[in-house]
C-alpha atoms as a PDB file:
ATOM      1  CA  UNK A   1    -145.453-134.704 141.310  1.00  0.00           C
ATOM      2  CA  UNK A   2    -141.817-134.920 140.310  1.00  0.00           C
ATOM      3  CA  UNK A   3    -140.631-138.231 138.853  1.00  0.00           C
ATOM      4  CA  UNK A   4    -136.959-139.314 138.590  1.00  0.00           C
ATOM      5  CA  UNK A   5    -137.694-140.779 135.141  1.00  0.00           C
ATOM      6  CA  UNK A   6    -139.428-139.859 131.855  1.00  0.00           C
ATOM      7  CA  UNK A   7    -143.226-139.871 132.145  1.00  0.00           C
ATOM      8  CA  UNK A   8    -145.948-139.965 129.476  1.00  0.00           C
ATOM      9  CA  UNK A   9    -149.175-138.628 130.944  1.00  0.00           C
ATOM     10  CA  UNK A  10    -152.268-137.993 128.820  1.00  0.00           C
ATOM     11  CA  UNK A  11    -150.151-138.104 125.667  1.00  0.00           C
ATOM     12  CA  UNK A  12    -147.596-135.538 126.902  1.00  0.00           C
ATOM     13  CA  UNK A  13    -143.986-136.578 127.538  1.00  0.00           C
ATOM     14  CA  UNK A  14    -142.331-135.053 130.616  1.00  0.00           C
ATOM     15  CA  UNK A  15    -138.536-135.321 131.082  1.00  0.00           C
ATOM     16  CA  UNK A  16    -137.080-136.716 134.292  1.00  0.00           C
ATOM     17  CA  UNK A  17    -137.193-134.234 137.149  1.00  0.00           C
ATOM     18  CA  UNK A  18    -140.084-132.248 135.661  1.00  0.00           C
ATOM     19  CA  UNK A  19    -143.165-131.428 137.698  1.00  0.00           C
ATOM     20  CA  UNK A  20    -146.004-133.561 136.220  1.00  0.00           C
ATOM     21  CA  UNK A  21    -149.542-132.287 136.881  1.00  0.00           C
ATOM     22  CA  UNK A  22    -151.731-134.510 139.049  1.00  0.00           C
ATOM     23  CA  UNK A  23    -155.083-135.893 137.885  1.00  0.00           C
ATOM     24  CA  UNK A  24    -158.076-134.384 139.636  1.00  0.00           C
ATOM     25  CA  UNK A  25    -160.235-137.468 139.118  1.00  0.00           C
ATOM     26  CA  UNK A  26    -159.363-140.440 141.307  1.00  0.00           C
ATOM     27  CA  UNK A  27    -158.568-143.676 139.472  1.00  0.00           C
ATOM     28  CA  UNK A  28    -161.167-146.346 140.194  1.00  0.00           C
ATOM     29  CA  UNK A  29    -159.914-149.136 137.966  1.00  0.00           C
ATOM     30  CA  UNK A  30    -156.993-151.477 137.814  1.00  0.00           C
ATOM     31  CA  UNK A  31    -155.915-151.055 134.178  1.00  0.00           C
ATOM     32  CA  UNK A  32    -154.344-154.516 134.039  1.00  0.00           C
ATOM     33  CA  UNK A  33    -156.761-157.067 135.446  1.00  0.00           C
ATOM     34  CA  UNK A  34    -159.784-155.576 137.135  1.00  0.00           C
ATOM     35  CA  UNK A  35    -163.043-153.996 136.131  1.00  0.00           C
ATOM     36  CA  UNK A  36    -164.143-150.802 137.897  1.00  0.00           C
ATOM     37  CA  UNK A  37    -164.297-151.142 141.653  1.00  0.00           C
ATOM     38  CA  UNK A  38    -167.853-151.443 143.042  1.00  0.00           C
ATOM     39  CA  UNK A  39    -168.720-151.220 146.711  1.00  0.00           C
ATOM     40  CA  UNK A  40    -165.038-151.189 147.566  1.00  0.00           C
ATOM     41  CA  UNK A  41    -164.478-154.769 146.386  1.00  0.00           C
ATOM     42  CA  UNK A  42    -162.785-156.196 143.313  1.00  0.00           C
ATOM     43  CA  UNK A  43    -163.337-159.585 141.736  1.00  0.00           C
ATOM     44  CA  UNK A  44    -159.913-160.691 142.952  1.00  0.00           C
ATOM     45  CA  UNK A  45    -160.700-159.679 146.547  1.00  0.00           C
ATOM     46  CA  UNK A  46    -164.024-161.581 146.470  1.00  0.00           C
ATOM     47  CA  UNK A  47    -162.306-164.676 145.059  1.00  0.00           C
ATOM     48  CA  UNK A  48    -159.670-164.591 147.809  1.00  0.00           C
ATOM     49  CA  UNK A  49    -162.136-164.257 150.719  1.00  0.00           C
ATOM     50  CA  UNK A  50    -162.783-167.115 153.115  1.00  0.00           C
ATOM     51  CA  UNK A  51    -166.255-168.630 153.345  1.00  0.00           C
ATOM     52  CA  UNK A  52    -166.847-166.862 156.662  1.00  0.00           C
ATOM     53  CA  UNK A  53    -165.929-163.493 155.124  1.00  0.00           C
ATOM     54  CA  UNK A  54    -168.137-164.189 152.117  1.00  0.00           C
ATOM     55  CA  UNK A  55    -171.113-165.103 154.344  1.00  0.00           C
ATOM     56  CA  UNK A  56    -170.649-161.955 156.391  1.00  0.00           C
ATOM     57  CA  UNK A  57    -170.494-159.770 153.284  1.00  0.00           C
ATOM     58  CA  UNK A  58    -173.462-161.512 151.693  1.00  0.00           C
ATOM     59  CA  UNK A  59    -175.573-161.047 154.824  1.00  0.00           C
ATOM     60  CA  UNK A  60    -174.505-157.389 154.983  1.00  0.00           C
ATOM     61  CA  UNK A  61    -175.627-156.926 151.356  1.00  0.00           C
ATOM     62  CA  UNK A  62    -178.984-158.642 152.028  1.00  0.00           C
ATOM     63  CA  UNK A  63    -178.488-161.825 150.014  1.00  0.00           C
ATOM     64  CA  UNK A  64    -181.138-164.392 150.970  1.00  0.00           C
ATOM     65  CA  UNK A  65    -179.932-167.865 151.967  1.00  0.00           C
ATOM     66  CA  UNK A  66    -176.308-166.774 152.415  1.00  0.00           C
ATOM     67  CA  UNK A  67    -175.988-168.897 155.582  1.00  0.00           C
ATOM     68  CA  UNK A  68    -176.625-172.118 153.653  1.00  0.00           C
ATOM     69  CA  UNK A  69    -174.511-171.416 150.536  1.00  0.00           C
ATOM     70  CA  UNK A  70    -171.052-172.816 149.857  1.00  0.00           C
ATOM     71  CA  UNK A  71    -168.069-170.549 149.306  1.00  0.00           C
ATOM     72  CA  UNK A  72    -168.197-171.068 145.549  1.00  0.00           C
ATOM     73  CA  UNK A  73    -171.894-170.187 145.436  1.00  0.00           C
ATOM     74  CA  UNK A  74    -171.343-167.073 147.558  1.00  0.00           C
ATOM     75  CA  UNK A  75    -168.506-165.908 145.292  1.00  0.00           C
ATOM     76  CA  UNK A  76    -170.700-166.340 142.209  1.00  0.00           C
ATOM     77  CA  UNK A  77    -173.626-164.443 143.756  1.00  0.00           C
ATOM     78  CA  UNK A  78    -171.461-161.592 145.097  1.00  0.00           C
ATOM     79  CA  UNK A  79    -169.573-161.143 141.834  1.00  0.00           C
ATOM     80  CA  UNK A  80    -172.886-160.963 139.977  1.00  0.00           C
ATOM     81  CA  UNK A  81    -174.361-158.570 142.539  1.00  0.00           C
ATOM     82  CA  UNK A  82    -171.367-156.208 142.349  1.00  0.00           C
ATOM     83  CA  UNK A  83    -171.285-156.442 138.547  1.00  0.00           C
ATOM     84  CA  UNK A  84    -167.638-157.616 138.495  1.00  0.00           C
END
């Protein structure tokens, strides 16, 4: 990929306009705030879900008693289950 600015990639500095080699391994983390992504969900996404979305996800993942839990309880259980 060609960048219009100076790039440091894997410890190598590339001047502006130089073709920088692409990584072959996809990035699966957010280097600023998130842990590795598990099951396509991040901790932030789980925390922003509505109670209905949380119940649906919990039932999909086989969590017992999801229909009777509050949103806060569902968030806690899902975050623990995903290891976030």
